[in-house]
Structure formats: C-alpha cells, structure tokens
C-alpha atoms as a PDB file:
ATOM      1  CA  MET A   1     107.108 -91.445  90.451  1.00  0.00           C
ATOM      2  CA  LYS A   2     108.795 -88.364  91.928  1.00  0.00           C
ATOM      3  CA  ASP A   3     105.952 -88.129  94.475  1.00  0.00           C
ATOM      4  CA  VAL A   4     106.595 -91.699  95.630  1.00  0.00           C
ATOM      5  CA  LYS A   5     110.341 -91.079  95.922  1.00  0.00           C
ATOM      6  CA  GLY A   6     109.678 -87.870  97.793  1.00  0.00           C
ATOM      7  CA  LEU A   7     107.214 -89.588 100.127  1.00  0.00           C
ATOM      8  CA  ILE A   8     109.698 -92.325 100.940  1.00  0.00           C
ATOM      9  CA  LEU A   9     112.507 -89.883 101.664  1.00  0.00           C
ATOM     10  CA  ALA A  10     110.352 -87.387 103.542  1.00  0.00           C
ATOM     11  CA  ARG A  11     108.884 -90.016 105.814  1.00  0.00           C
ATOM     12  CA  LEU A  12     112.163 -91.778 106.472  1.00  0.00           C
ATOM     13  CA  SER A  13     113.753 -88.422 107.168  1.00  0.00           C
ATOM     14  CA  LEU A  14     111.240 -87.896 109.924  1.00  0.00           C
ATOM     15  CA  ALA A  15     113.096 -90.747 111.569  1.00  0.00           C
ATOM     16  CA  LEU A  16     115.845 -88.159 112.115  1.00  0.00           C
ATOM     17  CA  CYS A  17     113.435 -86.292 114.309  1.00  0.00           C
ATOM     18  CA  ILE A  18     112.229 -89.448 116.032  1.00  0.00           C
ATOM     19  CA  ILE A  19     115.811 -90.032 117.155  1.00  0.00           C
ATOM     20  CA  LEU A  20     115.914 -86.541 118.620  1.00  0.00           C
ATOM     21  CA  LEU A  21     112.609 -87.002 120.396  1.00  0.00           C
ATOM     22  CA  THR A  22     113.503 -90.368 121.878  1.00  0.00           C
ATOM     23  CA  ALA A  23     117.079 -89.649 122.903  1.00  0.00           C
ATOM     24  CA  GLY A  24     115.957 -89.544 126.518  1.00  0.00           C
ATOM     25  CA  CYS A  25     117.216 -86.052 127.267  1.00  0.00           C
ATOM     26  CA  THR A  26     114.904 -83.791 129.251  1.00  0.00           C
ATOM     27  CA  ASP A  27     115.926 -80.879 127.014  1.00  0.00           C
ATOM     28  CA  LEU A  28     114.219 -82.610 124.096  1.00  0.00           C
ATOM     29  CA  ARG A  29     110.750 -82.989 125.605  1.00  0.00           C
ATOM     30  CA  ASN A  30     109.412 -79.794 124.034  1.00  0.00           C
ATOM     31  CA  LEU A  31     111.062 -80.213 120.644  1.00  0.00           C
ATOM     32  CA  GLN A  32     108.373 -80.023 117.937  1.00  0.00           C
ATOM     33  CA  ILE A  33     108.489 -81.010 114.294  1.00  0.00           C
ATOM     34  CA  ALA A  34     106.379 -78.497 112.401  1.00  0.00           C
ATOM     35  CA  GLY A  35     106.916 -79.949 108.932  1.00  0.00           C
ATOM     36  CA  CYS A  36     109.032 -81.775 106.413  1.00  0.00           C
ATOM     37  CA  LYS A  37     109.262 -80.863 102.725  1.00  0.00           C
ATOM     38  CA  VAL A  38     111.240 -82.475  99.914  1.00  0.00           C
ATOM     39  CA  LEU A  39     113.257 -79.739  98.186  1.00  0.00           C
ATOM     40  CA  SER A  40     114.977 -81.940  95.619  1.00  0.00           C
ATOM     41  CA  VAL A  41     115.258 -85.582  94.641  1.00  0.00           C
ATOM     42  CA  SER A  42     117.761 -86.899  92.137  1.00  0.00           C
ATOM     43  CA  PRO A  43     118.307 -90.529  91.219  1.00  0.00           C
ATOM     44  CA  ARG A  44     121.826 -91.899  91.328  1.00  0.00           C
ATOM     45  CA  GLY A  45     121.683 -94.875  89.012  1.00  0.00           C
ATOM     46  CA  PHE A  46     118.873 -97.407  89.441  1.00  0.00           C
ATOM     47  CA  THR A  47     119.330 -98.084  93.147  1.00  0.00           C
ATOM     48  CA  SER A  48     120.022 -94.776  94.912  1.00  0.00           C
ATOM     49  CA  LEU A  49     118.417 -91.405  95.474  1.00  0.00           C
ATOM     50  CA  ASP A  50     119.926 -88.207  96.812  1.00  0.00           C
ATOM     51  CA  ALA A  51     117.557 -85.689  98.335  1.00  0.00           C
ATOM     52  CA  THR A  52     117.510 -82.414 100.170  1.00  0.00           C
ATOM     53  CA  LEU A  53     114.789 -82.071 102.780  1.00  0.00           C
ATOM     54  CA  ARG A  54     113.589 -79.020 104.657  1.00  0.00           C
ATOM     55  CA  LEU A  55     112.751 -79.815 108.268  1.00  0.00           C
ATOM     56  CA  ASP A  56     110.806 -77.153 110.205  1.00  0.00           C
ATOM     57  CA  ILE A  57     111.662 -77.598 113.874  1.00  0.00           C
ATOM     58  CA  ASP A  58     110.771 -75.648 116.990  1.00  0.00           C
ATOM     59  CA  ASN A  59     113.485 -76.191 119.593  1.00  0.00           C
ATOM     60  CA  PRO A  60     112.750 -74.253 122.798  1.00  0.00           C
ATOM     61  CA  GLY A  61     115.552 -76.026 124.684  1.00  0.00           C
ATOM     62  CA  ALA A  62     119.301 -76.508 124.409  1.00  0.00           C
ATOM     63  CA  GLN A  63     121.251 -77.000 121.183  1.00  0.00           C
ATOM     64  CA  VAL A  64     120.875 -80.556 119.825  1.00  0.00           C
ATOM     65  CA  SER A  65     123.319 -82.261 117.453  1.00  0.00           C
ATOM     66  CA  LEU A  66     122.801 -85.443 115.453  1.00  0.00           C
ATOM     67  CA  ARG A  67     125.429 -87.403 113.504  1.00  0.00           C
ATOM     68  CA  ASP A  68     125.998 -90.870 112.063  1.00  0.00           C
ATOM     69  CA  PHE A  69     122.297 -91.244 111.247  1.00  0.00           C
ATOM     70  CA  SER A  70     121.133 -94.339 109.400  1.00  0.00           C
ATOM     71  CA  ALA A  71     117.812 -96.111 109.000  1.00  0.00           C
ATOM     72  CA  LEU A  72     117.409 -99.639 107.660  1.00  0.00           C
ATOM     73  CA  VAL A  73     114.067-100.839 106.274  1.00  0.00           C
ATOM     74  CA  HIS A  74     113.621-104.623 106.306  1.00  0.00           C
ATOM     75  CA  LYS A  75     110.976-107.326 106.049  1.00  0.00           C
ATOM     76  CA  ASP A  76     111.236-110.987 107.049  1.00  0.00           C
ATOM     77  CA  GLY A  77     115.031-110.838 107.330  1.00  0.00           C
ATOM     78  CA  ARG A  78     115.418-109.151 103.927  1.00  0.00           C
ATOM     79  CA  ASP A  79     117.037-105.700 103.903  1.00  0.00           C
ATOM     80  CA  ILE A  80     115.049-103.427 101.558  1.00  0.00           C
ATOM     81  CA  ALA A  81     116.612 -99.953 101.831  1.00  0.00           C
ATOM     82  CA  ARG A  82     119.090 -97.932 103.873  1.00  0.00           C
ATOM     83  CA  MET A  83     118.913 -94.190 104.414  1.00  0.00           C
ATOM     84  CA  SER A  84     121.716 -92.004 105.730  1.00  0.00           C
ATOM     85  CA  SER A  85     121.887 -88.304 106.396  1.00  0.00           C
ATOM     86  CA  ASP A  86     124.440 -85.577 106.949  1.00  0.00           C
ATOM     87  CA  SER A  87     124.994 -84.255 110.452  1.00  0.00           C
ATOM     88  CA  LEU A  88     122.410 -81.803 111.732  1.00  0.00           C
ATOM     89  CA  THR A  89     122.583 -79.262 114.569  1.00  0.00           C
ATOM     90  CA  LEU A  90     119.459 -77.603 115.926  1.00  0.00           C
ATOM     91  CA  GLU A  91     120.073 -74.180 117.393  1.00  0.00           C
ATOM     92  CA  ALA A  92     118.969 -73.539 120.964  1.00  0.00           C
ATOM     93  CA  ALA A  93     115.737 -71.735 121.766  1.00  0.00           C
ATOM     94  CA  CYS A  94     114.445 -71.042 118.270  1.00  0.00           C
ATOM     95  CA  ARG A  95     112.045 -72.145 115.556  1.00  0.00           C
ATOM     96  CA  ARG A  96     113.830 -72.611 112.284  1.00  0.00           C
ATOM     97  CA  SER A  97     114.015 -74.523 109.024  1.00  0.00           C
ATOM     98  CA  TYR A  98     116.968 -76.836 108.456  1.00  0.00           C
ATOM     99  CA  ASP A  99     118.024 -78.349 105.156  1.00  0.00           C
ATOM    100  CA  ALA A 100     119.191 -81.937 105.483  1.00  0.00           C
ATOM    101  CA  ARG A 101     120.899 -83.851 102.693  1.00  0.00           C
ATOM    102  CA  CYS A 102     120.249 -87.557 102.666  1.00  0.00           C
ATOM    103  CA  THR A 103     120.760 -90.645 100.543  1.00  0.00           C
ATOM    104  CA  LEU A 104     118.445 -93.609 100.088  1.00  0.00           C
ATOM    105  CA  LYS A 105     120.080 -96.821  98.835  1.00  0.00           C
ATOM    106  CA  ILE A 106     117.847 -99.638  97.617  1.00  0.00           C
ATOM    107  CA  LEU A 107     119.204-103.070  98.626  1.00  0.00           C
ATOM    108  CA  ASP A 108     118.775-106.740  97.744  1.00  0.00           C
ATOM    109  CA  GLY A 109     118.527-106.358  93.987  1.00  0.00           C
ATOM    110  CA  LEU A 110     115.519-104.039  94.068  1.00  0.00           C
ATOM    111  CA  SER A 111     115.232-100.866  91.992  1.00  0.00           C
ATOM    112  CA  ILE A 112     113.647 -97.477  92.630  1.00  0.00           C
ATOM    113  CA  PRO A 113     110.468 -98.434  90.706  1.00  0.00           C
ATOM    114  CA  ASP A 114     110.247-101.661  92.767  1.00  0.00           C
ATOM    115  CA  LEU A 115     110.359 -99.596  95.961  1.00  0.00           C
ATOM    116  CA  GLY A 116     107.646 -97.310  94.599  1.00  0.00           C
ATOM    117  CA  ASN A 117     105.436-100.335  93.956  1.00  0.00           C
ATOM    118  CA  ILE A 118     106.005-101.600  97.491  1.00  0.00           C
ATOM    119  CA  VAL A 119     104.965 -98.252  98.968  1.00  0.00           C
ATOM    120  CA  ARG A 120     101.797 -98.143  96.841  1.00  0.00           C
ATOM    121  CA  GLU A 121     100.642-101.735  97.118  1.00  0.00           C
ATOM    122  CA  GLU A 122     101.844-103.396 100.294  1.00  0.00           C
ATOM    123  CA  ASN A 123     100.818-103.343 103.922  1.00  0.00           C
ATOM    124  CA  LEU A 124     103.608-101.146 105.283  1.00  0.00           C
ATOM    125  CA  SER A 125     103.161-102.368 108.866  1.00  0.00           C
ATOM    126  CA  SER A 126     104.942-105.581 107.831  1.00  0.00           C
ATOM    127  CA  TYR A 127     108.072-103.537 107.017  1.00  0.00           C
ATOM    128  CA  LEU A 128     110.243-102.622 109.999  1.00  0.00           C
ATOM    129  CA  VAL A 129     112.750 -99.798 110.449  1.00  0.00           C
ATOM    130  CA  ASP A 130     115.898 -99.872 112.588  1.00  0.00           C
ATOM    131  CA  ILE A 131     117.352 -96.441 113.342  1.00  0.00           C
ATOM    132  CA  GLU A 132     120.807 -95.573 114.650  1.00  0.00           C
ATOM    133  CA  ALA A 133     122.412 -92.217 115.392  1.00  0.00           C
ATOM    134  CA  SER A 134     124.624 -90.356 117.819  1.00  0.00           C
ATOM    135  CA  VAL A 135     122.914 -87.501 119.670  1.00  0.00           C
ATOM    136  CA  ARG A 136     124.094 -84.823 122.053  1.00  0.00           C
ATOM    137  CA  THR A 137     122.614 -81.777 123.736  1.00  0.00           C
ATOM    138  CA  GLY A 138     124.658 -78.648 124.318  1.00  0.00           C
ATOM    139  CA  ARG A 139     128.305 -79.595 124.796  1.00  0.00           C
ATOM    140  CA  SER A 140     127.712 -83.045 126.247  1.00  0.00           C
ATOM    141  CA  LYS A 141     129.274 -86.157 124.727  1.00  0.00           C
ATOM    142  CA  TYR A 142     127.555 -87.826 121.787  1.00  0.00           C
ATOM    143  CA  ARG A 143     125.377 -90.709 122.898  1.00  0.00           C
ATOM    144  CA  PRO A 144     124.562 -93.617 120.595  1.00  0.00           C
ATOM    145  CA  VAL A 145     120.838 -94.217 120.189  1.00  0.00           C
ATOM    146  CA  ARG A 146     119.277 -97.247 118.527  1.00  0.00           C
ATOM    147  CA  LEU A 147     115.606 -97.919 117.900  1.00  0.00           C
ATOM    148  CA  SER A 148     114.670-101.279 116.402  1.00  0.00           C
ATOM    149  CA  GLY A 149     111.592-102.780 114.849  1.00  0.00           C
ATOM    150  CA  ILE A 150     109.543 -99.618 114.255  1.00  0.00           C
ATOM    151  CA  PRO A 151     106.705-100.419 111.803  1.00  0.00           C
ATOM    152  CA  LEU A 152     107.174 -98.347 108.642  1.00  0.00           C
ATOM    153  CA  ASP A 153     103.513 -97.327 108.617  1.00  0.00           C
ATOM    154  CA  LYS A 154     104.010 -95.585 111.985  1.00  0.00           C
ATOM    155  CA  ILE A 155     106.808 -93.444 110.528  1.00  0.00           C
ATOM    156  CA  ILE A 156     104.786 -92.618 107.434  1.00  0.00           C
ATOM    157  CA  LYS A 157     101.832 -91.436 109.555  1.00  0.00           C
ATOM    158  CA  ILE A 158     103.996 -88.901 111.425  1.00  0.00           C
END
C-alpha cells in the first residue's frame, strides 16, 4: 500500500514541475526535471497523507519561485483528492535536489485504500487534474497560473 501512496504523491507532485514548465516565462524553457523520489509518507487519519518528496531539477536559468500550489483530481463532477505543497524556490543556474513537503487529502467520503484501488484498477485518463499556483522568476511579481482538465494518466507517465 505504501507504494501506491508513494506513486500517487510522486506523480501529483510532478504537477509542481508542470506548473513551472508551463508558466510561459522564457527563463523556464530549459528547466529539466531529472527525477522525483518519495522520501517519506505518513497517513494522517483515514483521509490524508503527508509526504516529503525529493525533486531533482536542473535550472540553467533565473531563480524560480512557486507558492500557493494545489492540484484537484476529479471525475464526472466528483472531487476525488486535493494535493497542496509548501512553497519552493529553485536556485538560478544550478542542478540540485529540493525537498518538498506536501499533503494529499482524499475527498467525497473516500479513504486512502479506496484511492489505492482506483489507481490500480481504473482507467486514469477519465480522471482530470486542475492545477493552480503562483509563479515568479527572479524578482518579478508572482503570476497566478491555472491548468485545467489534465488527464491524470498524462501526469503519471511523466
């Protein structure tokens, strides 16, 4: 079960990086995600997980900051899970590992085992992800970014 929880969190956390890559800033074009590893996962009751993830990122450009990150997984108008993460700042012109703390909250009366069963048994392309965050490069102002309707299977394949 820990592998399923880790998979869910690791793949949704890659959405953090998707936000950075799609923020529309020319400084972000060469940003590369080298890897994502789950360092720890701990359940919080029956409907939440806290995790620490290690993101390996090569940022040859300007400093990039991300805050107010959230991702909502839903299907047919039913909210399934929401993920949020602490703020993250990528240093300029370096390749480095960053530890990101995040929380996954299971919604709509589902439990962690229910979510594990969904991941194992269902066609994940029918689940959609909406992502929101505020992004900035260097010392610019934070810009809100929203991506809607991303099929979950596309995030998991990253």
